[in-house]
N, C-alpha and C. Protein backbone atom coordinates (compact mmCIF):
# COMPACT_ATOMS: atom_id res chain seq x y z
N MET A 1 -32.47 -21.59 -183.79
CA MET A 1 -31.45 -21.65 -182.76
C MET A 1 -30.89 -20.24 -182.52
N ASN A 2 -30.67 -19.94 -181.25
CA ASN A 2 -30.06 -18.65 -180.94
C ASN A 2 -28.56 -18.83 -180.75
N LYS A 3 -27.87 -17.71 -180.58
CA LYS A 3 -26.40 -17.77 -180.54
C LYS A 3 -25.87 -18.53 -179.33
N ASP A 4 -26.58 -18.49 -178.20
CA ASP A 4 -26.13 -19.24 -177.03
C ASP A 4 -26.21 -20.74 -177.27
N GLN A 5 -27.25 -21.17 -177.95
CA GLN A 5 -27.38 -22.59 -178.26
C GLN A 5 -26.24 -23.05 -179.18
N VAL A 6 -25.96 -22.27 -180.19
CA VAL A 6 -24.90 -22.63 -181.15
C VAL A 6 -23.54 -22.62 -180.47
N LYS A 7 -23.23 -21.54 -179.77
CA LYS A 7 -21.92 -21.44 -179.11
C LYS A 7 -21.75 -22.55 -178.07
N GLY A 8 -22.81 -22.85 -177.35
CA GLY A 8 -22.75 -23.90 -176.34
C GLY A 8 -22.49 -25.26 -176.95
N ARG A 9 -23.18 -25.57 -178.05
CA ARG A 9 -22.98 -26.86 -178.71
C ARG A 9 -21.56 -26.98 -179.27
N VAL A 10 -21.04 -25.87 -179.83
CA VAL A 10 -19.67 -25.89 -180.36
C VAL A 10 -18.68 -26.11 -179.24
N LYS A 11 -18.89 -25.42 -178.12
CA LYS A 11 -17.98 -25.57 -176.97
C LYS A 11 -18.03 -27.00 -176.42
N GLN A 12 -19.22 -27.62 -176.44
CA GLN A 12 -19.33 -29.01 -176.01
C GLN A 12 -18.49 -29.92 -176.90
N ILE A 13 -18.58 -29.72 -178.20
CA ILE A 13 -17.83 -30.55 -179.15
C ILE A 13 -16.34 -30.36 -178.95
N GLU A 14 -15.90 -29.10 -178.80
CA GLU A 14 -14.49 -28.84 -178.58
C GLU A 14 -14.02 -29.48 -177.27
N GLY A 15 -14.83 -29.37 -176.24
CA GLY A 15 -14.47 -29.95 -174.95
C GLY A 15 -14.36 -31.46 -175.02
N LYS A 16 -15.30 -32.08 -175.70
CA LYS A 16 -15.27 -33.54 -175.83
C LYS A 16 -14.04 -33.98 -176.60
N ALA A 17 -13.68 -33.22 -177.66
CA ALA A 17 -12.49 -33.56 -178.44
C ALA A 17 -11.23 -33.46 -177.57
N LYS A 18 -11.14 -32.42 -176.77
CA LYS A 18 -9.97 -32.27 -175.88
C LYS A 18 -9.94 -33.39 -174.85
N GLU A 19 -11.11 -33.74 -174.33
CA GLU A 19 -11.19 -34.81 -173.33
C GLU A 19 -10.69 -36.13 -173.92
N VAL A 20 -11.16 -36.46 -175.11
CA VAL A 20 -10.75 -37.71 -175.77
C VAL A 20 -9.27 -37.67 -176.11
N ALA A 21 -8.79 -36.53 -176.62
CA ALA A 21 -7.37 -36.41 -176.95
C ALA A 21 -6.52 -36.57 -175.69
N GLY A 22 -6.96 -35.99 -174.60
CA GLY A 22 -6.23 -36.13 -173.34
C GLY A 22 -6.15 -37.57 -172.87
N LYS A 23 -7.25 -38.31 -173.05
CA LYS A 23 -7.24 -39.73 -172.69
C LYS A 23 -6.28 -40.51 -173.57
N LEU A 24 -6.31 -40.20 -174.88
CA LEU A 24 -5.47 -40.95 -175.82
C LEU A 24 -3.98 -40.76 -175.56
N VAL A 25 -3.58 -39.54 -175.26
CA VAL A 25 -2.15 -39.28 -175.06
C VAL A 25 -1.73 -39.35 -173.60
N GLY A 26 -2.70 -39.57 -172.71
CA GLY A 26 -2.37 -39.70 -171.29
C GLY A 26 -2.11 -38.36 -170.62
N ASN A 27 -2.69 -37.29 -171.15
CA ASN A 27 -2.51 -35.97 -170.59
C ASN A 27 -3.72 -35.63 -169.71
N ASP A 28 -3.53 -35.77 -168.41
CA ASP A 28 -4.64 -35.53 -167.47
C ASP A 28 -5.12 -34.08 -167.48
N ARG A 29 -4.19 -33.16 -167.66
CA ARG A 29 -4.55 -31.73 -167.68
C ARG A 29 -5.45 -31.41 -168.87
N LEU A 30 -5.11 -31.92 -170.06
CA LEU A 30 -5.92 -31.70 -171.26
C LEU A 30 -7.28 -32.35 -171.11
N GLN A 31 -7.31 -33.52 -170.53
CA GLN A 31 -8.56 -34.24 -170.30
C GLN A 31 -9.46 -33.45 -169.35
N ALA A 32 -8.90 -32.93 -168.28
CA ALA A 32 -9.67 -32.14 -167.32
C ALA A 32 -10.18 -30.85 -167.95
N LYS A 33 -9.32 -30.20 -168.74
CA LYS A 33 -9.71 -28.96 -169.41
C LYS A 33 -10.87 -29.23 -170.38
N GLY A 34 -10.80 -30.34 -171.08
CA GLY A 34 -11.88 -30.71 -171.99
C GLY A 34 -13.17 -31.01 -171.25
N ASN A 35 -13.06 -31.66 -170.11
CA ASN A 35 -14.23 -31.97 -169.30
C ASN A 35 -14.91 -30.69 -168.81
N ILE A 36 -14.12 -29.73 -168.38
CA ILE A 36 -14.66 -28.44 -167.92
C ILE A 36 -15.32 -27.69 -169.08
N GLU A 37 -14.63 -27.66 -170.22
CA GLU A 37 -15.16 -26.97 -171.39
C GLU A 37 -16.48 -27.60 -171.85
N ASN A 38 -16.55 -28.91 -171.77
CA ASN A 38 -17.78 -29.62 -172.13
C ASN A 38 -18.92 -29.20 -171.20
N ALA A 39 -18.65 -29.12 -169.91
CA ALA A 39 -19.66 -28.73 -168.93
C ALA A 39 -20.11 -27.28 -169.14
N VAL A 40 -19.18 -26.40 -169.44
CA VAL A 40 -19.53 -25.00 -169.71
C VAL A 40 -20.40 -24.92 -170.96
N GLY A 41 -20.06 -25.70 -171.97
CA GLY A 41 -20.86 -25.73 -173.19
C GLY A 41 -22.27 -26.21 -172.95
N LYS A 42 -22.41 -27.23 -172.11
CA LYS A 42 -23.75 -27.73 -171.77
C LYS A 42 -24.57 -26.66 -171.07
N ALA A 43 -23.93 -25.93 -170.16
CA ALA A 43 -24.63 -24.87 -169.44
C ALA A 43 -25.06 -23.75 -170.39
N GLN A 44 -24.17 -23.37 -171.29
CA GLN A 44 -24.48 -22.30 -172.23
C GLN A 44 -25.59 -22.73 -173.19
N ALA A 45 -25.53 -23.96 -173.66
CA ALA A 45 -26.58 -24.48 -174.54
C ALA A 45 -27.91 -24.55 -173.79
N GLY A 46 -27.87 -24.95 -172.53
CA GLY A 46 -29.07 -24.99 -171.71
C GLY A 46 -29.69 -23.62 -171.53
N LEU A 47 -28.84 -22.61 -171.33
CA LEU A 47 -29.32 -21.25 -171.22
C LEU A 47 -29.99 -20.82 -172.53
N GLY A 48 -29.37 -21.16 -173.64
CA GLY A 48 -29.96 -20.84 -174.94
C GLY A 48 -31.29 -21.53 -175.14
N ASP A 49 -31.38 -22.79 -174.72
CA ASP A 49 -32.63 -23.53 -174.82
C ASP A 49 -33.72 -22.86 -173.98
N LEU A 50 -33.35 -22.43 -172.78
CA LEU A 50 -34.30 -21.76 -171.89
C LEU A 50 -34.79 -20.46 -172.52
N LYS A 51 -33.86 -19.68 -173.06
CA LYS A 51 -34.24 -18.43 -173.73
C LYS A 51 -35.21 -18.70 -174.87
N SER A 52 -34.90 -19.70 -175.65
CA SER A 52 -35.74 -20.05 -176.80
C SER A 52 -37.14 -20.47 -176.35
N ASP A 53 -37.21 -21.29 -175.31
CA ASP A 53 -38.50 -21.74 -174.79
C ASP A 53 -39.33 -20.58 -174.25
N LEU A 54 -38.67 -19.68 -173.52
CA LEU A 54 -39.38 -18.53 -172.97
C LEU A 54 -39.90 -17.62 -174.08
N LYS A 55 -39.09 -17.43 -175.09
CA LYS A 55 -39.49 -16.60 -176.22
C LYS A 55 -40.71 -17.19 -176.93
N LYS A 56 -40.73 -18.51 -177.09
CA LYS A 56 -41.87 -19.17 -177.74
C LYS A 56 -43.13 -19.05 -176.88
N LYS A 57 -42.99 -19.17 -175.57
CA LYS A 57 -44.15 -19.14 -174.69
C LYS A 57 -44.72 -17.73 -174.55
N LEU A 58 -43.87 -16.72 -174.72
CA LEU A 58 -44.34 -15.35 -174.58
C LEU A 58 -45.03 -14.84 -175.83
N LYS A 59 -44.93 -15.57 -176.91
CA LYS A 59 -45.59 -15.15 -178.16
C LYS A 59 -47.03 -15.53 -178.18
């Protein structure tokens, strides 16, 4: 795993936790922030996956 994959997965987990916490306490702002963070994490992890795949194919 490269650093983008790790950072992206961590950001996804943090975002999901914020999203769930926002739902539990009824805080729409926290829920939205978690949703955005989750999406950013997915994108970053996807970029890391792409980098990893390209690196494997170029070898």
